[in-house]
Amino acid sequence: MFKKAKYAILLLLLTVLLTSCTESADADANTPLPPDGTNQEDPEIVDSEPEISEEEKAKLELEKRIAEREELEKQRKE
C-alpha cells in the first residue's frame, strides 16, 4: 500500500511539473520579439576596461621591451 501511494504521489508531481513546463513554453512562444533584435532579459555586458588605441598599445609594448632589456643588462653586469 505504501509503494502504491508513493508511486501515485510521484506520478502526480511529474504531471504537475510537465504541465507547468508546457504552460511556460506556450507563454514564451506567444511573446513577440523586440524589433531591434536585442534580448531584453539578458543585461548588456559592459567592459569596465576602455579600449586602448593602437598607438597606446605600441607605446606600452615599447616600454615593456625597454624594461626587459634593462633587466637583462642588470643581470649581465652582476
PDB file of N, CA and C in Angstrom:
ATOM      1  N   MET A   1       0.832  -1.187   0.000  1.00  0.00           N
ATOM      2  CA  MET A   1       0.000   0.000   0.000  1.00  0.00           C
ATOM      3  C   MET A   1       0.879   1.254   0.000  1.00  0.00           C
ATOM      4  N   PHE A   2       1.946   1.225   0.787  1.00  0.00           N
ATOM      5  CA  PHE A   2       2.845   2.376   0.860  1.00  0.00           C
ATOM      6  C   PHE A   2       3.511   2.628  -0.491  1.00  0.00           C
ATOM      7  N   LYS A   3       3.883   1.561  -1.193  1.00  0.00           N
ATOM      8  CA  LYS A   3       4.521   1.704  -2.506  1.00  0.00           C
ATOM      9  C   LYS A   3       3.550   2.312  -3.508  1.00  0.00           C
ATOM     10  N   LYS A   4       2.271   1.925  -3.435  1.00  0.00           N
ATOM     11  CA  LYS A   4       1.279   2.471  -4.362  1.00  0.00           C
ATOM     12  C   LYS A   4       1.055   3.961  -4.108  1.00  0.00           C
ATOM     13  N   ALA A   5       1.017   4.355  -2.855  1.00  0.00           N
ATOM     14  CA  ALA A   5       0.821   5.766  -2.517  1.00  0.00           C
ATOM     15  C   ALA A   5       2.032   6.587  -2.960  1.00  0.00           C
ATOM     16  N   LYS A   6       3.206   6.038  -2.723  1.00  0.00           N
ATOM     17  CA  LYS A   6       4.433   6.717  -3.130  1.00  0.00           C
ATOM     18  C   LYS A   6       4.480   6.870  -4.653  1.00  0.00           C
ATOM     19  N   TYR A   7       4.089   5.821  -5.360  1.00  0.00           N
ATOM     20  CA  TYR A   7       4.070   5.842  -6.820  1.00  0.00           C
ATOM     21  C   TYR A   7       3.043   6.856  -7.333  1.00  0.00           C
ATOM     22  N   ALA A   8       1.879   6.927  -6.699  1.00  0.00           N
ATOM     23  CA  ALA A   8       0.831   7.866  -7.110  1.00  0.00           C
ATOM     24  C   ALA A   8       1.284   9.310  -6.889  1.00  0.00           C
ATOM     25  N   ILE A   9       1.935   9.571  -5.764  1.00  0.00           N
ATOM     26  CA  ILE A   9       2.424  10.926  -5.483  1.00  0.00           C
ATOM     27  C   ILE A   9       3.495  11.318  -6.486  1.00  0.00           C
ATOM     28  N   LEU A  10       4.367  10.386  -6.800  1.00  0.00           N
ATOM     29  CA  LEU A  10       5.425  10.651  -7.773  1.00  0.00           C
ATOM     30  C   LEU A  10       4.844  10.970  -9.150  1.00  0.00           C
ATOM     31  N   LEU A  11       3.853  10.204  -9.578  1.00  0.00           N
ATOM     32  CA  LEU A  11       3.211  10.475 -10.864  1.00  0.00           C
ATOM     33  C   LEU A  11       2.493  11.820 -10.860  1.00  0.00           C
ATOM     34  N   LEU A  12       1.869  12.157  -9.749  1.00  0.00           N
ATOM     35  CA  LEU A  12       1.172  13.434  -9.639  1.00  0.00           C
ATOM     36  C   LEU A  12       2.159  14.599  -9.735  1.00  0.00           C
ATOM     37  N   LEU A  13       3.282  14.500  -9.034  1.00  0.00           N
ATOM     38  CA  LEU A  13       4.293  15.552  -9.099  1.00  0.00           C
ATOM     39  C   LEU A  13       4.883  15.676 -10.498  1.00  0.00           C
ATOM     40  N   LEU A  14       5.112  14.559 -11.141  1.00  0.00           N
ATOM     41  CA  LEU A  14       5.638  14.574 -12.502  1.00  0.00           C
ATOM     42  C   LEU A  14       4.646  15.227 -13.461  1.00  0.00           C
ATOM     43  N   THR A  15       3.376  14.944 -13.295  1.00  0.00           N
ATOM     44  CA  THR A  15       2.342  15.542 -14.139  1.00  0.00           C
ATOM     45  C   THR A  15       2.288  17.055 -13.942  1.00  0.00           C
ATOM     46  N   VAL A  16       2.349  17.499 -12.702  1.00  0.00           N
ATOM     47  CA  VAL A  16       2.318  18.935 -12.413  1.00  0.00           C
ATOM     48  C   VAL A  16       3.540  19.617 -13.010  1.00  0.00           C
ATOM     49  N   LEU A  17       4.690  18.987 -12.881  1.00  0.00           N
ATOM     50  CA  LEU A  17       5.920  19.557 -13.421  1.00  0.00           C
ATOM     51  C   LEU A  17       5.843  19.694 -14.939  1.00  0.00           C
ATOM     52  N   LEU A  18       5.416  18.652 -15.613  1.00  0.00           N
ATOM     53  CA  LEU A  18       5.329  18.710 -17.073  1.00  0.00           C
ATOM     54  C   LEU A  18       4.283  19.710 -17.537  1.00  0.00           C
ATOM     55  N   THR A  19       3.187  19.816 -16.817  1.00  0.00           N
ATOM     56  CA  THR A  19       2.142  20.774 -17.178  1.00  0.00           C
ATOM     57  C   THR A  19       2.649  22.202 -17.030  1.00  0.00           C
ATOM     58  N   SER A  20       3.350  22.478 -15.951  1.00  0.00           N
ATOM     59  CA  SER A  20       3.848  23.838 -15.755  1.00  0.00           C
ATOM     60  C   SER A  20       4.915  24.190 -16.788  1.00  0.00           C
ATOM     61  N   CYS A  21       5.717  23.217 -17.186  1.00  0.00           N
ATOM     62  CA  CYS A  21       6.740  23.482 -18.205  1.00  0.00           C
ATOM     63  C   CYS A  21       6.108  23.805 -19.552  1.00  0.00           C
ATOM     64  N   THR A  22       5.073  23.066 -19.923  1.00  0.00           N
ATOM     65  CA  THR A  22       4.442  23.322 -21.218  1.00  0.00           C
ATOM     66  C   THR A  22       3.697  24.650 -21.209  1.00  0.00           C
ATOM     67  N   GLU A  23       3.122  25.031 -20.071  1.00  0.00           N
ATOM     68  CA  GLU A  23       2.431  26.317 -19.994  1.00  0.00           C
ATOM     69  C   GLU A  23       3.412  27.472 -20.123  1.00  0.00           C
ATOM     70  N   SER A  24       4.561  27.368 -19.484  1.00  0.00           N
ATOM     71  CA  SER A  24       5.538  28.452 -19.588  1.00  0.00           C
ATOM     72  C   SER A  24       6.138  28.502 -20.988  1.00  0.00           C
ATOM     73  N   ALA A  25       6.274  27.361 -21.644  1.00  0.00           N
ATOM     74  CA  ALA A  25       6.793  27.349 -23.010  1.00  0.00           C
ATOM     75  C   ALA A  25       5.797  28.000 -23.961  1.00  0.00           C
ATOM     76  N   ASP A  26       4.512  27.777 -23.742  1.00  0.00           N
ATOM     77  CA  ASP A  26       3.497  28.417 -24.572  1.00  0.00           C
ATOM     78  C   ASP A  26       3.498  29.925 -24.361  1.00  0.00           C
ATOM     79  N   ALA A  27       3.694  30.368 -23.141  1.00  0.00           N
ATOM     80  CA  ALA A  27       3.726  31.804 -22.861  1.00  0.00           C
ATOM     81  C   ALA A  27       4.930  32.449 -23.533  1.00  0.00           C
ATOM     82  N   ASP A  28       6.068  31.773 -23.530  1.00  0.00           N
ATOM     83  CA  ASP A  28       7.259  32.313 -24.183  1.00  0.00           C
ATOM     84  C   ASP A  28       7.088  32.362 -25.696  1.00  0.00           C
ATOM     85  N   ALA A  29       6.380  31.395 -26.247  1.00  0.00           N
ATOM     86  CA  ALA A  29       6.196  31.348 -27.694  1.00  0.00           C
ATOM     87  C   ALA A  29       5.271  32.457 -28.176  1.00  0.00           C
ATOM     88  N   ASN A  30       4.364  32.911 -27.326  1.00  0.00           N
ATOM     89  CA  ASN A  30       3.401  33.930 -27.731  1.00  0.00           C
ATOM     90  C   ASN A  30       3.924  35.351 -27.572  1.00  0.00           C
ATOM     91  N   THR A  31       5.029  35.554 -26.899  1.00  0.00           N
ATOM     92  CA  THR A  31       5.563  36.904 -26.730  1.00  0.00           C
ATOM     93  C   THR A  31       6.336  37.311 -27.975  1.00  0.00           C
ATOM     94  N   PRO A  32       6.081  38.501 -28.492  1.00  0.00           N
ATOM     95  CA  PRO A  32       6.791  38.938 -29.700  1.00  0.00           C
ATOM     96  C   PRO A  32       8.231  39.324 -29.383  1.00  0.00           C
ATOM     97  N   LEU A  33       9.083  39.189 -30.377  1.00  0.00           N
ATOM     98  CA  LEU A  33      10.475  39.588 -30.231  1.00  0.00           C
ATOM     99  C   LEU A  33      10.582  41.102 -30.329  1.00  0.00           C
ATOM    100  N   PRO A  34      11.519  41.711 -29.636  1.00  0.00           N
ATOM    101  CA  PRO A  34      11.712  43.154 -29.770  1.00  0.00           C
ATOM    102  C   PRO A  34      12.145  43.489 -31.198  1.00  0.00           C
ATOM    103  N   PRO A  35      11.750  44.649 -31.706  1.00  0.00           N
ATOM    104  CA  PRO A  35      12.038  44.973 -33.102  1.00  0.00           C
ATOM    105  C   PRO A  35      13.521  45.126 -33.419  1.00  0.00           C
ATOM    106  N   ASP A  36      14.335  45.541 -32.450  1.00  0.00           N
ATOM    107  CA  ASP A  36      15.748  45.747 -32.744  1.00  0.00           C
ATOM    108  C   ASP A  36      16.559  44.465 -32.644  1.00  0.00           C
ATOM    109  N   GLY A  37      15.957  43.372 -32.222  1.00  0.00           N
ATOM    110  CA  GLY A  37      16.637  42.089 -32.188  1.00  0.00           C
ATOM    111  C   GLY A  37      17.456  41.847 -30.939  1.00  0.00           C
ATOM    112  N   THR A  38      17.388  42.739 -29.963  1.00  0.00           N
ATOM    113  CA  THR A  38      18.141  42.522 -28.733  1.00  0.00           C
ATOM    114  C   THR A  38      17.267  41.805 -27.727  1.00  0.00           C
ATOM    115  N   ASN A  39      17.886  41.052 -26.860  1.00  0.00           N
ATOM    116  CA  ASN A  39      17.167  40.337 -25.822  1.00  0.00           C
ATOM    117  C   ASN A  39      17.098  41.225 -24.590  1.00  0.00           C
ATOM    118  N   GLN A  40      15.892  41.557 -24.156  1.00  0.00           N
ATOM    119  CA  GLN A  40      15.721  42.466 -23.033  1.00  0.00           C
ATOM    120  C   GLN A  40      15.944  41.778 -21.699  1.00  0.00           C
ATOM    121  N   GLU A  41      15.860  40.450 -21.651  1.00  0.00           N
ATOM    122  CA  GLU A  41      16.029  39.738 -20.393  1.00  0.00           C
ATOM    123  C   GLU A  41      17.489  39.699 -19.970  1.00  0.00           C
ATOM    124  N   ASP A  42      18.401  39.545 -20.916  1.00  0.00           N
ATOM    125  CA  ASP A  42      19.818  39.464 -20.594  1.00  0.00           C
ATOM    126  C   ASP A  42      20.395  40.869 -20.491  1.00  0.00           C
ATOM    127  N   PRO A  43      21.046  41.186 -19.377  1.00  0.00           N
ATOM    128  CA  PRO A  43      21.660  42.513 -19.273  1.00  0.00           C
ATOM    129  C   PRO A  43      22.856  42.624 -20.212  1.00  0.00           C
ATOM    130  N   GLU A  44      23.058  43.808 -20.703  1.00  0.00           N
ATOM    131  CA  GLU A  44      24.175  44.032 -21.620  1.00  0.00           C
ATOM    132  C   GLU A  44      25.472  44.053 -20.830  1.00  0.00           C
ATOM    133  N   ILE A  45      26.449  43.319 -21.301  1.00  0.00           N
ATOM    134  CA  ILE A  45      27.735  43.245 -20.622  1.00  0.00           C
ATOM    135  C   ILE A  45      28.574  44.436 -21.069  1.00  0.00           C
ATOM    136  N   VAL A  46      29.039  45.198 -20.089  1.00  0.00           N
ATOM    137  CA  VAL A  46      29.830  46.384 -20.375  1.00  0.00           C
ATOM    138  C   VAL A  46      31.236  46.157 -19.843  1.00  0.00           C
ATOM    139  N   ASP A  47      32.206  46.345 -20.701  1.00  0.00           N
ATOM    140  CA  ASP A  47      33.590  46.203 -20.268  1.00  0.00           C
ATOM    141  C   ASP A  47      33.961  47.385 -19.398  1.00  0.00           C
ATOM    142  N   SER A  48      34.549  47.104 -18.256  1.00  0.00           N
ATOM    143  CA  SER A  48      34.973  48.189 -17.382  1.00  0.00           C
ATOM    144  C   SER A  48      36.296  48.779 -17.859  1.00  0.00           C
ATOM    145  N   GLU A  49      36.995  48.022 -18.693  1.00  0.00           N
ATOM    146  CA  GLU A  49      38.286  48.478 -19.198  1.00  0.00           C
ATOM    147  C   GLU A  49      38.084  49.139 -20.564  1.00  0.00           C
ATOM    148  N   PRO A  50      38.481  50.400 -20.712  1.00  0.00           N
ATOM    149  CA  PRO A  50      38.294  51.066 -22.005  1.00  0.00           C
ATOM    150  C   PRO A  50      39.224  50.483 -23.062  1.00  0.00           C
ATOM    151  N   GLU A  51      38.824  50.622 -24.304  1.00  0.00           N
ATOM    152  CA  GLU A  51      39.663  50.124 -25.385  1.00  0.00           C
ATOM    153  C   GLU A  51      40.902  50.996 -25.525  1.00  0.00           C
ATOM    154  N   ILE A  52      42.009  50.348 -25.845  1.00  0.00           N
ATOM    155  CA  ILE A  52      43.280  51.048 -25.990  1.00  0.00           C
ATOM    156  C   ILE A  52      43.550  51.230 -27.476  1.00  0.00           C
ATOM    157  N   SER A  53      43.946  52.439 -27.847  1.00  0.00           N
ATOM    158  CA  SER A  53      44.233  52.706 -29.254  1.00  0.00           C
ATOM    159  C   SER A  53      45.512  51.988 -29.664  1.00  0.00           C
ATOM    160  N   GLU A  54      45.719  51.895 -30.965  1.00  0.00           N
ATOM    161  CA  GLU A  54      46.904  51.218 -31.496  1.00  0.00           C
ATOM    162  C   GLU A  54      48.185  51.913 -31.054  1.00  0.00           C
ATOM    163  N   GLU A  55      48.153  53.237 -31.002  1.00  0.00           N
ATOM    164  CA  GLU A  55      49.337  53.986 -30.570  1.00  0.00           C
ATOM    165  C   GLU A  55      49.681  53.676 -29.116  1.00  0.00           C
ATOM    166  N   GLU A  56      48.654  53.622 -28.280  1.00  0.00           N
ATOM    167  CA  GLU A  56      48.892  53.315 -26.873  1.00  0.00           C
ATOM    168  C   GLU A  56      49.402  51.892 -26.699  1.00  0.00           C
ATOM    169  N   LYS A  57      48.870  50.969 -27.502  1.00  0.00           N
ATOM    170  CA  LYS A  57      49.347  49.586 -27.446  1.00  0.00           C
ATOM    171  C   LYS A  57      50.816  49.512 -27.833  1.00  0.00           C
ATOM    172  N   ALA A  58      51.174  50.220 -28.884  1.00  0.00           N
ATOM    173  CA  ALA A  58      52.566  50.218 -29.337  1.00  0.00           C
ATOM    174  C   ALA A  58      53.477  50.832 -28.278  1.00  0.00           C
ATOM    175  N   LYS A  59      53.012  51.901 -27.655  1.00  0.00           N
ATOM    176  CA  LYS A  59      53.805  52.562 -26.616  1.00  0.00           C
ATOM    177  C   LYS A  59      54.018  51.636 -25.422  1.00  0.00           C
ATOM    178  N   LEU A  60      52.965  50.952 -25.005  1.00  0.00           N
ATOM    179  CA  LEU A  60      53.085  50.018 -23.889  1.00  0.00           C
ATOM    180  C   LEU A  60      54.023  48.863 -24.223  1.00  0.00           C
ATOM    181  N   GLU A  61      53.927  48.368 -25.445  1.00  0.00           N
ATOM    182  CA  GLU A  61      54.812  47.284 -25.881  1.00  0.00           C
ATOM    183  C   GLU A  61      56.267  47.747 -25.885  1.00  0.00           C
ATOM    184  N   LEU A  62      56.507  48.956 -26.349  1.00  0.00           N
ATOM    185  CA  LEU A  62      57.864  49.500 -26.373  1.00  0.00           C
ATOM    186  C   LEU A  62      58.411  49.656 -24.954  1.00  0.00           C
ATOM    187  N   GLU A  63      57.590  50.180 -24.053  1.00  0.00           N
ATOM    188  CA  GLU A  63      58.019  50.327 -22.662  1.00  0.00           C
ATOM    189  C   GLU A  63      58.320  48.971 -22.029  1.00  0.00           C
ATOM    190  N   LYS A  64      57.538  47.988 -22.382  1.00  0.00           N
ATOM    191  CA  LYS A  64      57.759  46.637 -21.864  1.00  0.00           C
ATOM    192  C   LYS A  64      59.095  46.080 -22.355  1.00  0.00           C
ATOM    193  N   ARG A  65      59.374  46.265 -23.639  1.00  0.00           N
ATOM    194  CA  ARG A  65      60.641  45.786 -24.201  1.00  0.00           C
ATOM    195  C   ARG A  65      61.834  46.503 -23.572  1.00  0.00           C
ATOM    196  N   ILE A  66      61.702  47.810 -23.361  1.00  0.00           N
ATOM    197  CA  ILE A  66      62.788  48.580 -22.741  1.00  0.00           C
ATOM    198  C   ILE A  66      63.049  48.071 -21.329  1.00  0.00           C
ATOM    199  N   ALA A  67      61.990  47.812 -20.586  1.00  0.00           N
ATOM    200  CA  ALA A  67      62.144  47.314 -19.219  1.00  0.00           C
ATOM    201  C   ALA A  67      62.814  45.943 -19.217  1.00  0.00           C
ATOM    202  N   GLU A  68      62.454  45.090 -20.179  1.00  0.00           N
ATOM    203  CA  GLU A  68      63.081  43.768 -20.271  1.00  0.00           C
ATOM    204  C   GLU A  68      64.564  43.889 -20.594  1.00  0.00           C
ATOM    205  N   ARG A  69      64.912  44.779 -21.499  1.00  0.00           N
ATOM    206  CA  ARG A  69      66.324  44.974 -21.852  1.00  0.00           C
ATOM    207  C   ARG A  69      67.121  45.493 -20.661  1.00  0.00           C
ATOM    208  N   GLU A  70      66.529  46.425 -19.921  1.00  0.00           N
ATOM    209  CA  GLU A  70      67.214  46.947 -18.738  1.00  0.00           C
ATOM    210  C   GLU A  70      67.453  45.850 -17.712  1.00  0.00           C
ATOM    211  N   GLU A  71      66.484  44.976 -17.545  1.00  0.00           N
ATOM    212  CA  GLU A  71      66.648  43.856 -16.619  1.00  0.00           C
ATOM    213  C   GLU A  71      67.774  42.930 -17.075  1.00  0.00           C
ATOM    214  N   LEU A  72      67.827  42.654 -18.382  1.00  0.00           N
ATOM    215  CA  LEU A  72      68.893  41.798 -18.915  1.00  0.00           C
ATOM    216  C   LEU A  72      70.263  42.438 -18.715  1.00  0.00           C
ATOM    217  N   GLU A  73      70.353  43.745 -18.933  1.00  0.00           N
ATOM    218  CA  GLU A  73      71.626  44.447 -18.743  1.00  0.00           C
ATOM    219  C   GLU A  73      72.064  44.402 -17.280  1.00  0.00           C
ATOM    220  N   LYS A  74      71.122  44.562 -16.370  1.00  0.00           N
ATOM    221  CA  LYS A  74      71.445  44.486 -14.945  1.00  0.00           C
ATOM    222  C   LYS A  74      71.962  43.096 -14.583  1.00  0.00           C
ATOM    223  N   GLN A  75      71.338  42.065 -15.155  1.00  0.00           N
ATOM    224  CA  GLN A  75      71.760  40.700 -14.863  1.00  0.00           C
ATOM    225  C   GLN A  75      73.147  40.427 -15.432  1.00  0.00           C
ATOM    226  N   ARG A  76      73.443  40.954 -16.592  1.00  0.00           N
ATOM    227  CA  ARG A  76      74.760  40.749 -17.210  1.00  0.00           C
ATOM    228  C   ARG A  76      75.866  41.434 -16.406  1.00  0.00           C
ATOM    229  N   LYS A  77      75.560  42.626 -15.883  1.00  0.00           N
ATOM    230  CA  LYS A  77      76.555  43.371 -15.108  1.00  0.00           C
ATOM    231  C   LYS A  77      76.863  42.681 -13.790  1.00  0.00           C
ATOM    232  N   GLU A  78      75.898  42.000 -13.249  1.00  0.00           N
ATOM    233  CA  GLU A  78      76.101  41.322 -11.966  1.00  0.00           C
ATOM    234  C   GLU A  78      76.806  40.039 -12.198  1.00  0.00           C
TER     235      GLU A  78
END
